[in-house]
Amino acid sequence: MIRIRVSYCAQARAAAGVASDDIELDGARTPADLLAKAVYARGEKLRRILLDDNARPHPSVLVFANGKQLSLTSTQPLLEGDEVEIVPPISGG
């Protein structure tokens, strides 16, 4: 098991009900795997923000690991101790 520190930004923070989580994954996993685990842990409100109707990451969600933006389709694994920020789509004007 590895532990990843996840920070939720903007409406993802409100939907998750917390500013951050320590999420455990069974080995190195991708950003998409992490989003799925976060949604499983935090529920439907977060799912509607982060995932599309097919349970795939919403294409406008941004994920940063240790300050570097990752593609949601990346197969690059997250590693023990990584700090991840999840930034959902932001609207306004």
N, C-alpha and C. Protein backbone atom coordinates (compact mmCIF):
# COMPACT_ATOMS: atom_id res chain seq x y z
N MET A 1 0.84 -1.18 0.00
CA MET A 1 0.00 0.00 0.00
C MET A 1 0.89 1.25 0.00
N ILE A 2 0.42 2.24 -0.73
CA ILE A 2 1.10 3.53 -0.70
C ILE A 2 0.09 4.59 -0.27
N ARG A 3 0.60 5.65 0.29
CA ARG A 3 -0.26 6.74 0.77
C ARG A 3 0.05 8.00 -0.03
N ILE A 4 -1.02 8.62 -0.53
CA ILE A 4 -0.92 9.85 -1.31
C ILE A 4 -1.69 10.94 -0.57
N ARG A 5 -1.10 12.10 -0.42
CA ARG A 5 -1.79 13.25 0.18
C ARG A 5 -2.52 13.99 -0.94
N VAL A 6 -3.84 14.13 -0.80
CA VAL A 6 -4.68 14.77 -1.82
C VAL A 6 -5.27 16.05 -1.25
N SER A 7 -5.10 17.16 -1.97
CA SER A 7 -5.72 18.43 -1.61
C SER A 7 -6.79 18.73 -2.64
N TYR A 8 -7.98 19.09 -2.15
CA TYR A 8 -9.10 19.42 -3.03
C TYR A 8 -9.21 20.94 -3.14
N CYS A 9 -9.39 21.43 -4.35
CA CYS A 9 -9.50 22.87 -4.57
C CYS A 9 -10.91 23.23 -5.02
N ALA A 10 -11.27 24.49 -4.79
CA ALA A 10 -12.53 25.07 -5.26
C ALA A 10 -13.73 24.20 -4.87
N GLN A 11 -14.65 23.96 -5.82
CA GLN A 11 -15.87 23.22 -5.48
C GLN A 11 -15.61 21.76 -5.14
N ALA A 12 -14.47 21.22 -5.51
CA ALA A 12 -14.13 19.86 -5.10
C ALA A 12 -13.96 19.80 -3.58
N ARG A 13 -13.44 20.87 -3.00
CA ARG A 13 -13.27 20.93 -1.54
C ARG A 13 -14.64 20.90 -0.86
N ALA A 14 -15.56 21.69 -1.38
CA ALA A 14 -16.91 21.71 -0.80
C ALA A 14 -17.60 20.36 -0.98
N ALA A 15 -17.45 19.75 -2.13
CA ALA A 15 -18.09 18.46 -2.42
C ALA A 15 -17.50 17.34 -1.56
N ALA A 16 -16.19 17.38 -1.35
CA ALA A 16 -15.54 16.34 -0.54
C ALA A 16 -15.83 16.52 0.95
N GLY A 17 -16.10 17.77 1.33
CA GLY A 17 -16.35 18.05 2.74
C GLY A 17 -15.09 18.20 3.58
N VAL A 18 -13.94 18.13 2.92
CA VAL A 18 -12.64 18.30 3.59
C VAL A 18 -11.69 19.01 2.63
N ALA A 19 -10.66 19.62 3.17
CA ALA A 19 -9.66 20.27 2.33
C ALA A 19 -8.66 19.28 1.76
N SER A 20 -8.43 18.17 2.51
CA SER A 20 -7.44 17.20 2.04
C SER A 20 -7.73 15.83 2.64
N ASP A 21 -7.12 14.83 2.03
CA ASP A 21 -7.23 13.43 2.45
C ASP A 21 -5.87 12.77 2.30
N ASP A 22 -5.63 11.76 3.09
CA ASP A 22 -4.55 10.82 2.84
C ASP A 22 -5.22 9.58 2.27
N ILE A 23 -4.95 9.28 1.01
CA ILE A 23 -5.60 8.16 0.34
C ILE A 23 -4.59 7.04 0.15
N GLU A 24 -5.00 5.84 0.53
CA GLU A 24 -4.15 4.67 0.36
C GLU A 24 -4.53 3.94 -0.92
N LEU A 25 -3.52 3.61 -1.69
CA LEU A 25 -3.70 2.86 -2.93
C LEU A 25 -2.90 1.57 -2.83
N ASP A 26 -3.39 0.54 -3.47
CA ASP A 26 -2.68 -0.75 -3.42
C ASP A 26 -1.58 -0.79 -4.48
N GLY A 27 -0.52 -0.08 -4.21
CA GLY A 27 0.60 0.00 -5.13
C GLY A 27 0.52 1.25 -5.98
N ALA A 28 1.50 1.42 -6.82
CA ALA A 28 1.56 2.59 -7.70
C ALA A 28 0.35 2.60 -8.63
N ARG A 29 -0.33 3.70 -8.68
CA ARG A 29 -1.54 3.85 -9.50
C ARG A 29 -1.49 5.15 -10.27
N THR A 30 -2.36 5.26 -11.26
CA THR A 30 -2.40 6.43 -12.13
C THR A 30 -3.27 7.53 -11.52
N PRO A 31 -3.20 8.76 -12.10
CA PRO A 31 -4.08 9.83 -11.63
C PRO A 31 -5.56 9.45 -11.71
N ALA A 32 -5.96 8.75 -12.76
CA ALA A 32 -7.37 8.33 -12.89
C ALA A 32 -7.76 7.38 -11.77
N ASP A 33 -6.86 6.48 -11.39
CA ASP A 33 -7.12 5.57 -10.28
C ASP A 33 -7.32 6.34 -8.98
N LEU A 34 -6.50 7.36 -8.79
CA LEU A 34 -6.60 8.18 -7.58
C LEU A 34 -7.94 8.91 -7.52
N LEU A 35 -8.38 9.47 -8.66
CA LEU A 35 -9.68 10.15 -8.68
C LEU A 35 -10.79 9.18 -8.31
N ALA A 36 -10.75 7.99 -8.87
CA ALA A 36 -11.78 6.99 -8.56
C ALA A 36 -11.79 6.65 -7.08
N LYS A 37 -10.63 6.52 -6.48
CA LYS A 37 -10.53 6.20 -5.05
C LYS A 37 -11.04 7.36 -4.20
N ALA A 38 -10.73 8.59 -4.60
CA ALA A 38 -11.22 9.77 -3.88
C ALA A 38 -12.74 9.84 -3.93
N VAL A 39 -13.30 9.58 -5.09
CA VAL A 39 -14.76 9.58 -5.25
C VAL A 39 -15.38 8.49 -4.39
N TYR A 40 -14.78 7.31 -4.37
CA TYR A 40 -15.28 6.21 -3.54
C TYR A 40 -15.29 6.61 -2.07
N ALA A 41 -14.24 7.30 -1.65
CA ALA A 41 -14.12 7.70 -0.25
C ALA A 41 -15.06 8.85 0.13
N ARG A 42 -15.33 9.76 -0.82
CA ARG A 42 -16.04 10.99 -0.48
C ARG A 42 -17.45 11.12 -1.05
N GLY A 43 -17.84 10.27 -2.01
CA GLY A 43 -19.23 10.20 -2.39
C GLY A 43 -19.67 10.91 -3.65
N GLU A 44 -20.99 10.90 -3.81
CA GLU A 44 -21.66 11.32 -5.04
C GLU A 44 -21.40 12.78 -5.42
N LYS A 45 -21.38 13.68 -4.47
CA LYS A 45 -21.14 15.09 -4.81
C LYS A 45 -19.79 15.26 -5.50
N LEU A 46 -18.79 14.59 -4.99
CA LEU A 46 -17.46 14.69 -5.59
C LEU A 46 -17.44 13.98 -6.94
N ARG A 47 -18.14 12.86 -7.05
CA ARG A 47 -18.20 12.14 -8.32
C ARG A 47 -18.73 13.01 -9.44
N ARG A 48 -19.78 13.77 -9.15
CA ARG A 48 -20.38 14.63 -10.19
C ARG A 48 -19.41 15.70 -10.69
N ILE A 49 -18.48 16.11 -9.86
CA ILE A 49 -17.52 17.13 -10.24
C ILE A 49 -16.31 16.53 -10.98
N LEU A 50 -15.87 15.37 -10.54
CA LEU A 50 -14.61 14.82 -11.06
C LEU A 50 -14.78 13.82 -12.19
N LEU A 51 -15.91 13.12 -12.25
CA LEU A 51 -16.08 12.05 -13.23
C LEU A 51 -17.23 12.34 -14.18
N ASP A 52 -17.13 11.83 -15.41
CA ASP A 52 -18.23 11.97 -16.36
C ASP A 52 -19.25 10.86 -16.15
N ASP A 53 -20.25 10.80 -17.02
CA ASP A 53 -21.33 9.81 -16.87
C ASP A 53 -20.84 8.37 -17.04
N ASN A 54 -19.66 8.18 -17.63
CA ASN A 54 -19.09 6.84 -17.81
C ASN A 54 -18.04 6.51 -16.75
N ALA A 55 -18.01 7.30 -15.67
CA ALA A 55 -17.07 7.12 -14.56
C ALA A 55 -15.62 7.33 -14.97
N ARG A 56 -15.41 8.09 -16.02
CA ARG A 56 -14.05 8.47 -16.43
C ARG A 56 -13.78 9.88 -15.94
N PRO A 57 -12.52 10.21 -15.71
CA PRO A 57 -12.21 11.58 -15.25
C PRO A 57 -12.74 12.62 -16.23
N HIS A 58 -13.39 13.63 -15.69
CA HIS A 58 -13.88 14.74 -16.52
C HIS A 58 -12.67 15.41 -17.16
N PRO A 59 -12.70 15.65 -18.47
CA PRO A 59 -11.50 16.15 -19.16
C PRO A 59 -11.01 17.52 -18.69
N SER A 60 -11.88 18.30 -18.04
CA SER A 60 -11.42 19.62 -17.60
C SER A 60 -10.88 19.64 -16.17
N VAL A 61 -10.85 18.50 -15.51
CA VAL A 61 -10.25 18.42 -14.18
C VAL A 61 -8.73 18.43 -14.34
N LEU A 62 -8.08 19.22 -13.52
CA LEU A 62 -6.61 19.28 -13.53
C LEU A 62 -6.07 18.53 -12.31
N VAL A 63 -5.00 17.80 -12.53
CA VAL A 63 -4.34 17.07 -11.45
C VAL A 63 -2.86 17.44 -11.47
N PHE A 64 -2.36 17.82 -10.30
CA PHE A 64 -0.95 18.16 -10.13
C PHE A 64 -0.35 17.22 -9.10
N ALA A 65 0.80 16.67 -9.38
CA ALA A 65 1.53 15.86 -8.41
C ALA A 65 2.86 16.55 -8.14
N ASN A 66 3.06 16.91 -6.90
CA ASN A 66 4.29 17.59 -6.49
C ASN A 66 4.55 18.84 -7.34
N GLY A 67 3.46 19.55 -7.66
CA GLY A 67 3.55 20.80 -8.40
C GLY A 67 3.61 20.66 -9.91
N LYS A 68 3.61 19.45 -10.43
CA LYS A 68 3.69 19.23 -11.88
C LYS A 68 2.36 18.69 -12.39
N GLN A 69 1.82 19.35 -13.44
CA GLN A 69 0.54 18.91 -13.98
C GLN A 69 0.69 17.54 -14.66
N LEU A 70 -0.29 16.67 -14.38
CA LEU A 70 -0.33 15.35 -14.98
C LEU A 70 -1.53 15.23 -15.90
N SER A 71 -1.37 14.49 -16.96
CA SER A 71 -2.50 14.17 -17.84
C SER A 71 -3.37 13.13 -17.15
N LEU A 72 -4.68 13.27 -17.29
CA LEU A 72 -5.59 12.29 -16.71
C LEU A 72 -5.50 10.94 -17.40
N THR A 73 -4.92 10.91 -18.59
CA THR A 73 -4.75 9.65 -19.30
C THR A 73 -3.34 9.08 -19.10
N SER A 74 -2.57 9.75 -18.27
CA SER A 74 -1.19 9.32 -18.02
C SER A 74 -1.16 7.94 -17.37
N THR A 75 -0.21 7.15 -17.78
CA THR A 75 0.02 5.87 -17.12
C THR A 75 1.18 5.97 -16.13
N GLN A 76 1.72 7.19 -16.00
CA GLN A 76 2.79 7.42 -15.02
C GLN A 76 2.22 7.17 -13.62
N PRO A 77 2.83 6.29 -12.87
CA PRO A 77 2.28 5.96 -11.55
C PRO A 77 2.56 7.05 -10.52
N LEU A 78 1.61 7.21 -9.62
CA LEU A 78 1.84 8.03 -8.44
C LEU A 78 2.61 7.17 -7.44
N LEU A 79 3.42 7.82 -6.63
CA LEU A 79 4.31 7.08 -5.73
C LEU A 79 4.08 7.48 -4.28
N GLU A 80 4.51 6.62 -3.39
CA GLU A 80 4.42 6.87 -1.96
C GLU A 80 4.92 8.28 -1.64
N GLY A 81 4.11 9.02 -0.88
CA GLY A 81 4.50 10.35 -0.45
C GLY A 81 4.19 11.47 -1.43
N ASP A 82 3.69 11.14 -2.63
CA ASP A 82 3.32 12.20 -3.57
C ASP A 82 2.24 13.08 -2.96
N GLU A 83 2.30 14.36 -3.29
CA GLU A 83 1.26 15.31 -2.88
C GLU A 83 0.53 15.75 -4.13
N VAL A 84 -0.77 15.49 -4.15
CA VAL A 84 -1.59 15.72 -5.34
C VAL A 84 -2.63 16.79 -5.06
N GLU A 85 -2.79 17.69 -6.01
CA GLU A 85 -3.86 18.69 -5.95
C GLU A 85 -4.85 18.38 -7.06
N ILE A 86 -6.13 18.40 -6.71
CA ILE A 86 -7.19 18.18 -7.68
C ILE A 86 -7.92 19.50 -7.86
N VAL A 87 -7.92 19.99 -9.09
CA VAL A 87 -8.54 21.28 -9.41
C VAL A 87 -9.67 21.01 -10.41
N PRO A 88 -10.92 21.16 -9.98
CA PRO A 88 -12.04 20.94 -10.88
C PRO A 88 -12.23 22.12 -11.81
N PRO A 89 -13.13 21.97 -12.79
CA PRO A 89 -13.41 23.11 -13.68
C PRO A 89 -13.90 24.29 -12.85
N ILE A 90 -13.42 25.46 -13.20
CA ILE A 90 -13.83 26.68 -12.50
C ILE A 90 -14.50 27.60 -13.50
N SER A 91 -15.67 28.08 -13.14
CA SER A 91 -16.37 29.00 -14.05
C SER A 91 -16.57 30.33 -13.34
N GLY A 92 -16.86 31.31 -14.11
CA GLY A 92 -17.08 32.65 -13.56
C GLY A 92 -16.68 33.68 -14.58
N GLY A 93 -16.69 34.88 -14.18
CA GLY A 93 -16.32 35.85 -15.17
C GLY A 93 -16.20 37.22 -14.67
